[in-house]
Structures are given as structure tokens and as C-alpha cells.
Amino acid sequence: MSIFRFILLALRALQRNKLRAFLTMLGIIIGVAAVIAMVAIGQGSKESIQTQLSSMGSNMITVLPASNVSGGVRIGGDTYQVLTLDDVKAIQRQAQYVSEVSPVSSTKGQAIFGALNWPTTLQGVAPSYFDIRKLTIQDGVSFSDADVATAAKVCVLGKTVIDNLFPSGESPVGKVIRFNSIPLQVIGTLVPKGQSSFGQDQDDIILCPYTTVQKRILATIYFQSIYASAVSEGASDAATDEITDILRTTHRLRPSDENNFQVRTMEELIKTLSSTSSLLTILLTAIAGISLIIGGIGIMNIMYVSVKERTKEIGLRMSIGARGIDILLQFLVEAIIISVTGGIIGVILGVTSAKLITLLLGWPTLVSQSSIILSFLVCALTGVFFGYYPAQAASRLDPIEALRYE
């Protein structure tokens, strides 16, 4: 008997019990839809992380104070003060693989304009910070090295700060705001960047010369971090080694001493976050895959019921010449059709769900062809695996006993 004939027999059998066939498919439909949606969320978040971090500059390098243990208590890197202007100047003079360097000194407080105020972050940076972080001036100008030298009370605003201090839409350039009690003249605004991969608003920021923050606000000589840019993406590792050696020298560390700072490249961060995202995707997919197993068990259960209900039909077919392999293929094809049809509906539902998640929740999703192909393969294998044993049981029935079955 041809495979086309087996398919027709299977479709007729399923048509006689439409509701039961649909309920059997339901486990497969939910499983496939869940797998595709979960993979789409994982892949979308992974691509979004890579895109956003790469947009900051794939050759960007960050230097932070290392965490320290004092008296059995771990002190965070932010409170462990070791980075100074001498470190910045040493990197500028000695590092051959570093193109630009900027210290960062930041603090939180209230930005005030007239009767309006907004809690935000003030970052003191060098003019090179704009190039390192790929920040663009939208209106006005950036501050200069001369402003840094004189600790000028000037600043550049992010869009979130502008929206909250100037809700009427007027240009803030030329206006004077206050950060806590310090007046700052707005000389420029930044092109909006939106949220980061960590959910942080990148536009909720005020930038000004680092000397202004150090001398007029924090009264400190230390920096929270140092940002640098390698001459090229391929030179990031060499630049990292250079910076490490330079800082060990400026901090007078002996060969046996551990670094009291940490140097991180954007490539490392991308790999770490991508690895975490991939692990989360695997976990979510595994959880969703349980639905496929449950759906497969449902197919096996219904096929056993179908064999029992059609025992006389099996006996009759065998008595007129049907072989055991014909009976096995008949029920196996029926199980595969249930599984694959459920898979097709599940793929459509999964792709639609991914689109709705992006539309309604704003989460990045990416439906890959590999996940769809894999879902079809899994559905076919599920039908074969869970449909084989009931089909084999049907093929081994004794024709005489089957005809006597009531």
C-alpha cells in the first residue's frame, strides 16, 4: 500500500473524531508555541544586548577600582578609592594602543530649574568621553579642555533631564540650572540613546567637566572609573595589558601584590551577557519543551484508545490480507499527522505570540528559521516515538481474537 493511501486512511480516522484529535494536538500546539516564543525572546534579548553594547564602542575599555576585603568585610569598588589623575595622565603618555582616555567622577542629586526639580546623575568627564561613549551633541556645543582646566560651571543635558526641567519644549541651551546648590550653565544637549541593556535610562544624565565635580561638589581627587578607547577593536587586548602594566606601576604594586583595580573590555562584557542570555534561553526552552513531552504522552494515550476502539477493524483488515507492517504504518502515520499538524498550528501561534510580545510589551524578539525547522523535526520525532508503541501493539493483534473483540 502506498504512503498516500496511509495518509488518506489516517485523515479519515481523524475526521471521525475531530474534537478528540484537536485536544490531542493541543499539547503539541502549546509546546511548540512556547518553545518558539521563548527562543525568540532569548535570541532577541541577546541580539539587543550585542547591538547596544557595540553601539557604545566595541573597542571601549573600562577601568574600575577592585573590590577589597578589609577586616573580613568586602568593600565595593565604588568606595575603594585608588584611581587618580596621575593614572589618567600615565595612560595618555605611555599607552601606545590607547587612542583616548577620560576619567569619570559621578554623583547623584537634584537638578533644579525654577520651580521644577529632577533627581538625576551628574558625571564629570573629559571632552574625549563623548567620542569614547559615542555620544553626539544635538544642540549647542560640548565643553572644552579649557573648561576642564578652569573647572567651569557648564554642563550638557540628556533628554530625560530636559523633559523634566523644561516640559514646555523650550531649548535649555543658555539657561542656568542648579545641581543641588551649584549653578551650571547649559551649553549643549545630547542626542537621545534610550534604555541600556540593563534597563538603565541613558538619557537621565548631566555631563560637565570632571574638575567641576571634583572641586566644587565632591571635594575629592579620586575617580569612580576611567574610560579608554583602543586604537582599534583588534587592539583591545593589547591596550588592556598596557593599561594594567601602567597602573601597577603608578600604584607601586609589587609583583606579588594583587591588582587594586580591574580592567574590563566591551568584548568581555558582550561575551558575558551573551553567555548569560544563551543560558537563560536554554533554560526557558527546556521548560517549554516539557509541554512537548506531555503532548507526546497525550498522543500515545489517544493512540492506545484508538487501537482498542478499532480492534475489530484491525482484525477485519488482517483477515483480508493486510500485513502487520500495514497496520503499524497506518497508526504510525496517524500519530505523525496529529503531531505535525499540531506543530504547524504551534509555529503559527508561536510566531504570532513573539510579534505580540514585541508590540505590547516592547521586549525585543527574534524568530529564527532554525527554531521553526527544529520544531518541525521535534514534532515528527514525537509522533514517531510516541506513536510507534500503540501502532506496534495494533500490528501484533491476532486477527481471530480481534474479530471476536467486543
Protein backbone atom coordinates (compact mmCIF):
# COMPACT_ATOMS: atom_id res chain seq x y z
CA MET A 1 0.00 0.00 0.00
CA SER A 2 1.34 3.44 -0.89
CA ILE A 3 2.13 6.10 1.70
CA PHE A 4 -0.54 8.30 0.09
CA ARG A 5 -3.13 5.65 0.90
CA PHE A 6 -1.96 5.53 4.52
CA ILE A 7 -2.34 9.32 4.76
CA LEU A 8 -5.91 9.16 3.42
CA LEU A 9 -6.82 6.45 5.93
CA ALA A 10 -5.31 8.49 8.76
CA LEU A 11 -7.19 11.65 7.72
CA ARG A 12 -10.49 9.76 7.56
CA ALA A 13 -9.89 8.31 11.03
CA LEU A 14 -9.09 11.75 12.46
CA GLN A 15 -12.09 13.31 10.73
CA ARG A 16 -14.39 10.87 12.55
CA ASN A 17 -13.13 12.21 15.89
CA LYS A 18 -12.32 15.86 15.21
CA LEU A 19 -12.62 17.13 18.79
CA ARG A 20 -10.52 14.31 20.20
CA ALA A 21 -7.87 14.87 17.52
CA PHE A 22 -7.73 18.60 18.31
CA LEU A 23 -7.47 18.01 22.06
CA THR A 24 -4.66 15.54 21.35
CA MET A 25 -2.88 18.17 19.27
CA LEU A 26 -3.30 20.80 21.99
CA GLY A 27 -0.30 19.66 24.00
CA ILE A 28 1.90 19.78 20.88
CA ILE A 29 0.48 23.19 19.87
CA ILE A 30 1.20 24.73 23.28
CA GLY A 31 4.63 23.10 23.48
CA VAL A 32 5.80 24.28 20.04
CA ALA A 33 4.35 27.78 20.51
CA ALA A 34 6.05 28.08 23.92
CA VAL A 35 9.41 26.87 22.57
CA ILE A 36 9.36 29.28 19.61
CA ALA A 37 8.27 32.23 21.78
CA MET A 38 10.91 31.51 24.46
CA VAL A 39 13.69 31.10 21.88
CA ALA A 40 12.55 34.31 20.15
CA ILE A 41 12.71 36.23 23.45
CA GLY A 42 16.15 34.81 24.25
CA GLN A 43 17.57 35.46 20.79
CA GLY A 44 16.02 38.91 20.67
CA SER A 45 17.48 39.93 24.02
CA LYS A 46 20.88 38.53 23.05
CA GLU A 47 20.94 40.49 19.78
CA SER A 48 19.68 43.63 21.54
CA ILE A 49 22.46 43.37 24.14
CA GLN A 50 25.12 42.91 21.47
CA THR A 51 23.79 45.78 19.37
CA GLN A 52 23.51 48.23 22.25
CA LEU A 53 26.91 47.39 23.71
CA SER A 54 28.56 47.53 20.29
CA SER A 55 26.98 50.95 19.73
CA MET A 56 28.89 52.20 22.78
CA GLY A 57 32.11 51.24 21.04
CA SER A 58 33.40 47.69 20.73
CA ASN A 59 36.91 48.94 21.50
CA MET A 60 35.91 50.70 24.72
CA ILE A 61 37.83 49.80 27.90
CA THR A 62 36.69 50.50 31.45
CA VAL A 63 38.96 50.73 34.50
CA LEU A 64 37.31 50.35 37.91
CA PRO A 65 38.61 50.10 41.46
CA ALA A 66 38.83 46.46 42.53
CA SER A 67 36.71 45.18 45.39
CA ASN A 68 38.71 44.97 48.58
CA VAL A 69 38.44 42.94 51.78
CA SER A 70 39.06 44.84 54.99
CA GLY A 71 38.60 43.20 58.39
CA GLY A 72 36.60 40.37 56.86
CA VAL A 73 34.19 42.80 55.18
CA ARG A 74 34.17 43.19 51.40
CA ILE A 75 34.28 46.81 50.32
CA GLY A 76 32.70 47.60 46.96
CA GLY A 77 34.79 49.02 44.14
CA ASP A 78 32.94 52.35 44.27
CA THR A 79 34.14 53.02 47.82
CA TYR A 80 37.67 51.72 47.26
CA GLN A 81 39.42 54.87 46.04
CA VAL A 82 42.59 54.28 44.02
CA LEU A 83 42.11 55.94 40.62
CA THR A 84 43.58 59.43 40.28
CA LEU A 85 44.54 61.98 37.63
CA ASP A 86 48.11 60.62 37.69
CA ASP A 87 46.72 57.30 36.39
CA VAL A 88 44.92 59.07 33.57
CA LYS A 89 47.99 61.06 32.56
CA ALA A 90 50.22 57.97 32.73
CA ILE A 91 47.89 56.09 30.38
CA GLN A 92 47.80 59.08 27.98
CA ARG A 93 51.60 59.30 27.91
CA GLN A 94 52.62 55.66 27.85
CA ALA A 95 49.87 53.56 26.26
CA GLN A 96 50.54 53.04 22.54
CA TYR A 97 47.33 51.08 21.88
CA VAL A 98 45.03 53.62 23.56
CA SER A 99 43.65 56.48 21.47
CA GLU A 100 41.60 58.38 24.07
CA VAL A 101 41.18 58.44 27.85
CA SER A 102 38.63 60.09 30.12
CA PRO A 103 38.22 59.96 33.89
CA VAL A 104 34.71 59.76 35.34
CA SER A 105 33.64 61.29 38.64
CA SER A 106 29.92 60.97 39.33
CA THR A 107 27.39 61.81 42.00
CA LYS A 108 23.62 61.80 42.41
CA GLY A 109 21.49 64.76 43.38
CA GLN A 110 18.67 67.13 42.44
CA ALA A 111 18.73 69.10 39.20
CA ILE A 112 16.69 72.29 39.65
CA PHE A 113 15.32 74.86 37.23
CA GLY A 114 12.84 77.40 38.54
CA ALA A 115 10.16 75.56 40.49
CA LEU A 116 10.96 72.21 38.85
CA ASN A 117 13.43 69.62 40.06
CA TRP A 118 14.51 66.14 39.00
CA PRO A 119 16.71 63.51 40.74
CA THR A 120 19.48 62.54 38.36
CA THR A 121 23.17 61.68 37.97
CA LEU A 122 25.91 64.24 37.38
CA GLN A 123 29.02 62.87 35.68
CA GLY A 124 32.27 64.77 35.49
CA VAL A 125 34.20 63.73 32.39
CA ALA A 126 36.80 64.92 29.90
CA PRO A 127 35.81 66.09 26.38
CA SER A 128 37.17 62.80 24.98
CA TYR A 129 34.40 60.94 26.85
CA PHE A 130 31.93 61.91 24.14
CA ASP A 131 33.97 60.09 21.48
CA ILE A 132 34.67 57.09 23.70
CA ARG A 133 30.98 56.56 24.54
CA LYS A 134 29.71 57.53 21.06
CA LEU A 135 27.71 60.48 22.43
CA THR A 136 26.55 63.13 19.97
CA ILE A 137 25.66 66.76 20.63
CA GLN A 138 22.17 67.56 19.36
CA ASP A 139 22.02 71.26 20.15
CA GLY A 140 24.69 73.67 21.34
CA VAL A 141 28.28 72.58 21.97
CA SER A 142 30.33 70.36 24.24
CA PHE A 143 32.70 71.69 26.88
CA SER A 144 36.41 72.02 26.06
CA ASP A 145 39.78 71.32 27.66
CA ALA A 146 39.83 74.98 28.72
CA ASP A 147 36.59 74.40 30.65
CA VAL A 148 38.22 71.42 32.35
CA ALA A 149 41.30 73.47 33.26
CA THR A 150 39.19 76.23 34.87
CA ALA A 151 36.58 73.88 36.44
CA ALA A 152 33.94 75.83 34.52
CA LYS A 153 30.36 75.56 35.74
CA VAL A 154 28.95 74.39 32.43
CA CYS A 155 27.04 71.22 31.52
CA VAL A 156 25.42 69.14 28.78
CA LEU A 157 21.98 67.64 29.42
CA GLY A 158 20.41 64.31 28.47
CA LYS A 159 16.86 64.19 27.09
CA THR A 160 15.21 62.82 30.25
CA VAL A 161 16.56 65.70 32.32
CA ILE A 162 15.45 68.17 29.64
CA ASP A 163 11.92 66.70 29.54
CA ASN A 164 11.53 67.06 33.30
CA LEU A 165 13.12 70.50 33.75
CA PHE A 166 11.86 72.07 30.51
CA PRO A 167 8.47 70.38 29.90
CA SER A 168 7.23 73.25 27.70
CA GLY A 169 9.71 72.26 24.97
CA GLU A 170 11.89 75.38 25.17
CA SER A 171 15.58 74.98 24.42
CA PRO A 172 17.66 74.64 27.62
CA VAL A 173 20.82 75.92 25.90
CA GLY A 174 21.94 79.13 27.56
CA LYS A 175 19.80 78.57 30.65
CA VAL A 176 21.28 78.16 34.14
CA ILE A 177 20.19 75.18 36.22
CA ARG A 178 21.33 74.14 39.66
CA PHE A 179 22.64 70.78 40.73
CA ASN A 180 21.98 70.74 44.45
CA SER A 181 23.32 74.23 45.26
CA ILE A 182 25.83 74.60 42.38
CA PRO A 183 24.71 76.70 39.36
CA LEU A 184 25.56 75.19 35.96
CA GLN A 185 25.07 76.86 32.59
CA VAL A 186 23.63 74.56 29.92
CA ILE A 187 25.79 74.76 26.80
CA GLY A 188 24.54 71.68 24.94
CA THR A 189 22.12 68.75 24.74
CA LEU A 190 22.68 65.10 23.85
CA VAL A 191 21.09 63.00 21.12
CA PRO A 192 18.78 60.51 22.93
CA LYS A 193 20.10 56.95 23.35
CA GLY A 194 17.18 55.31 25.20
CA GLN A 195 17.48 52.49 27.70
CA SER A 196 20.58 50.35 28.02
CA SER A 197 20.63 46.53 28.02
CA PHE A 198 20.42 46.69 31.81
CA GLY A 199 17.19 48.73 31.71
CA GLN A 200 19.01 51.93 32.70
CA ASP A 201 17.91 55.25 31.20
CA GLN A 202 20.99 56.52 29.34
CA ASP A 203 19.39 59.94 28.85
CA ASP A 204 18.89 60.63 32.56
CA ILE A 205 22.28 62.30 32.94
CA ILE A 206 24.11 65.60 33.18
CA LEU A 207 27.70 65.83 31.91
CA CYS A 208 30.18 68.50 32.95
CA PRO A 209 34.00 68.86 33.31
CA TYR A 210 35.41 66.36 35.80
CA THR A 211 37.27 69.12 37.62
CA THR A 212 33.95 70.84 38.32
CA VAL A 213 32.60 67.74 40.03
CA GLN A 214 35.82 67.02 41.91
CA LYS A 215 36.47 70.54 43.20
CA ARG A 216 33.05 72.14 43.52
CA ILE A 217 30.83 69.20 44.50
CA LEU A 218 32.68 66.12 45.81
CA ALA A 219 35.91 67.71 47.08
CA THR A 220 37.93 64.63 46.16
CA ILE A 221 40.93 63.73 44.00
CA TYR A 222 39.67 60.23 43.17
CA PHE A 223 37.65 58.95 40.23
CA GLN A 224 34.98 56.24 40.22
CA SER A 225 36.23 54.96 36.87
CA ILE A 226 38.37 55.62 33.83
CA TYR A 227 37.13 55.11 30.29
CA ALA A 228 39.54 54.49 27.43
CA SER A 229 39.32 53.64 23.76
CA ALA A 230 41.70 51.25 22.00
CA VAL A 231 43.10 52.34 18.65
CA SER A 232 41.10 49.52 17.05
CA GLU A 233 38.86 46.64 18.06
CA GLY A 234 41.68 44.15 17.46
CA ALA A 235 43.99 46.11 19.77
CA SER A 236 41.68 45.87 22.80
CA ASP A 237 43.64 43.03 24.43
CA ALA A 238 46.98 44.76 23.89
CA ALA A 239 45.55 48.02 25.27
CA THR A 240 44.21 46.18 28.30
CA ASP A 241 47.63 44.67 29.03
CA GLU A 242 49.25 48.09 28.61
CA ILE A 243 46.82 49.79 30.99
CA THR A 244 47.28 47.01 33.55
CA ASP A 245 51.07 47.36 33.49
CA ILE A 246 50.91 51.17 33.67
CA LEU A 247 48.51 51.20 36.63
CA ARG A 248 50.51 48.59 38.52
CA THR A 249 53.49 50.93 38.18
CA THR A 250 51.64 54.11 39.18
CA HIS A 251 50.07 52.30 42.16
CA ARG A 252 53.51 50.97 43.19
CA LEU A 253 52.35 47.36 43.36
CA ARG A 254 54.92 44.65 43.95
CA PRO A 255 54.94 41.55 41.71
CA SER A 256 53.28 39.53 44.48
CA ASP A 257 50.50 42.11 45.04
CA GLU A 258 47.06 41.71 43.52
CA ASN A 259 45.69 44.49 41.35
CA ASN A 260 43.70 47.08 43.29
CA PHE A 261 41.85 47.88 40.06
CA GLN A 262 40.10 45.92 37.32
CA VAL A 263 40.24 46.46 33.59
CA ARG A 264 37.26 45.36 31.51
CA THR A 265 36.77 45.44 27.75
CA MET A 266 33.45 45.75 25.96
CA GLU A 267 34.13 42.43 24.25
CA GLU A 268 34.31 40.69 27.63
CA LEU A 269 31.04 42.28 28.69
CA ILE A 270 29.34 41.28 25.43
CA LYS A 271 30.54 37.68 25.83
CA THR A 272 29.45 37.51 29.47
CA LEU A 273 25.98 38.92 28.84
CA SER A 274 25.51 36.84 25.68
CA SER A 275 26.50 33.72 27.61
CA THR A 276 24.02 34.56 30.35
CA SER A 277 21.31 35.23 27.78
CA SER A 278 22.05 31.93 26.00
CA LEU A 279 21.87 30.01 29.29
CA LEU A 280 18.54 31.67 30.08
CA THR A 281 17.25 30.78 26.60
CA ILE A 282 18.22 27.14 27.08
CA LEU A 283 16.52 27.07 30.47
CA LEU A 284 13.30 28.63 29.16
CA THR A 285 13.31 26.32 26.12
CA ALA A 286 13.81 23.26 28.33
CA ILE A 287 10.86 24.31 30.49
CA ALA A 288 8.71 24.91 27.41
CA GLY A 289 9.90 21.57 25.97
CA ILE A 290 8.17 19.76 28.84
CA SER A 291 4.90 20.67 27.14
CA LEU A 292 6.06 18.75 24.06
CA ILE A 293 6.73 15.66 26.17
CA ILE A 294 3.29 15.97 27.77
CA GLY A 295 1.79 16.39 24.30
CA GLY A 296 3.63 13.26 23.12
CA ILE A 297 2.28 11.27 26.06
CA GLY A 298 -1.18 12.50 25.12
CA ILE A 299 -0.67 11.18 21.57
CA MET A 300 0.43 7.80 22.90
CA ASN A 301 -2.58 7.63 25.22
CA ILE A 302 -5.09 8.51 22.49
CA MET A 303 -3.49 6.10 20.01
CA TYR A 304 -3.84 3.26 22.53
CA VAL A 305 -7.51 4.20 22.94
CA SER A 306 -7.89 4.29 19.15
CA VAL A 307 -6.36 0.83 18.83
CA LYS A 308 -8.82 -0.54 21.39
CA GLU A 309 -11.78 1.12 19.68
CA ARG A 310 -10.78 -0.18 16.24
CA THR A 311 -9.74 -3.69 17.21
CA LYS A 312 -12.46 -5.25 15.06
CA GLU A 313 -11.46 -3.06 12.10
CA ILE A 314 -7.86 -4.21 12.53
CA GLY A 315 -8.94 -7.85 12.65
CA LEU A 316 -11.08 -7.42 9.53
CA ARG A 317 -8.24 -5.79 7.59
CA MET A 318 -5.84 -8.54 8.62
CA SER A 319 -8.32 -11.25 7.64
CA ILE A 320 -8.49 -9.90 4.08
CA GLY A 321 -4.74 -9.76 3.66
CA ALA A 322 -3.35 -6.72 5.47
CA ARG A 323 0.10 -7.36 6.88
CA GLY A 324 1.33 -6.35 10.32
CA ILE A 325 3.56 -3.68 8.74
CA ASP A 326 0.49 -2.17 7.02
CA ILE A 327 -1.37 -1.87 10.32
CA LEU A 328 1.74 -0.44 12.02
CA LEU A 329 2.21 2.19 9.31
CA GLN A 330 -1.47 3.12 9.36
CA PHE A 331 -1.44 4.04 13.05
CA LEU A 332 2.08 5.49 12.90
CA VAL A 333 1.14 7.84 10.05
CA GLU A 334 -1.94 8.84 12.02
CA ALA A 335 0.21 9.77 15.04
CA ILE A 336 2.67 11.71 12.86
CA ILE A 337 -0.15 13.67 11.20
CA ILE A 338 -1.54 14.64 14.62
CA SER A 339 1.92 15.73 15.77
CA VAL A 340 2.95 17.63 12.63
CA THR A 341 -0.44 19.36 12.27
CA GLY A 342 -0.20 20.43 15.89
CA GLY A 343 3.34 21.62 15.15
CA ILE A 344 2.20 23.77 12.21
CA ILE A 345 -0.50 25.42 14.32
CA GLY A 346 2.03 25.80 17.16
CA VAL A 347 4.55 27.52 14.87
CA ILE A 348 1.92 30.00 13.68
CA LEU A 349 0.84 30.64 17.28
CA GLY A 350 4.47 30.94 18.46
CA VAL A 351 5.46 33.45 15.75
CA THR A 352 2.30 35.46 16.42
CA SER A 353 2.99 35.43 20.17
CA ALA A 354 6.54 36.69 19.61
CA LYS A 355 5.23 39.56 17.48
CA LEU A 356 2.61 40.44 20.11
CA ILE A 357 5.23 40.36 22.89
CA THR A 358 7.30 42.92 20.98
CA LEU A 359 4.23 45.02 20.10
CA LEU A 360 2.54 45.04 23.52
CA LEU A 361 5.44 44.68 25.97
CA GLY A 362 8.24 46.23 23.94
CA TRP A 363 10.54 43.23 24.52
CA PRO A 364 12.95 42.50 21.64
CA THR A 365 12.23 39.16 19.95
CA LEU A 366 13.87 37.36 17.05
CA VAL A 367 12.20 34.35 15.43
CA SER A 368 14.91 32.31 13.76
CA GLN A 369 14.39 29.81 10.93
CA SER A 370 16.40 27.23 12.87
CA SER A 371 13.89 27.26 15.75
CA ILE A 372 10.99 26.68 13.30
CA ILE A 373 12.80 23.86 11.48
CA LEU A 374 13.82 22.30 14.78
CA SER A 375 10.21 22.46 15.99
CA PHE A 376 9.01 20.55 12.91
CA LEU A 377 11.70 17.91 13.38
CA VAL A 378 10.82 17.53 17.06
CA CYS A 379 7.12 17.21 16.19
CA ALA A 380 7.82 14.50 13.60
CA LEU A 381 10.08 12.61 16.01
CA THR A 382 7.47 13.00 18.76
CA GLY A 383 4.85 11.45 16.50
CA VAL A 384 7.16 8.55 15.58
CA PHE A 385 8.38 7.94 19.13
CA PHE A 386 5.07 8.15 20.98
CA GLY A 387 3.01 6.66 18.15
CA TYR A 388 5.23 3.64 17.50
CA TYR A 389 4.30 1.57 20.53
CA PRO A 390 0.50 1.79 20.09
CA ALA A 391 0.98 1.13 16.35
CA GLN A 392 3.17 -1.89 17.11
CA ALA A 393 0.56 -3.18 19.57
CA ALA A 394 -2.06 -2.89 16.83
CA SER A 395 0.11 -4.74 14.29
CA ARG A 396 0.60 -7.68 16.67
CA LEU A 397 -3.07 -8.33 17.29
CA ASP A 398 -4.28 -11.81 16.44
CA PRO A 399 -6.89 -11.48 13.63
CA ILE A 400 -9.22 -14.12 15.14
CA GLU A 401 -9.12 -12.55 18.61
CA ALA A 402 -9.54 -9.09 17.10
CA LEU A 403 -12.70 -10.14 15.22
CA ARG A 404 -14.14 -11.59 18.45
CA TYR A 405 -13.39 -8.38 20.40
CA GLU A 406 -16.47 -6.57 21.72
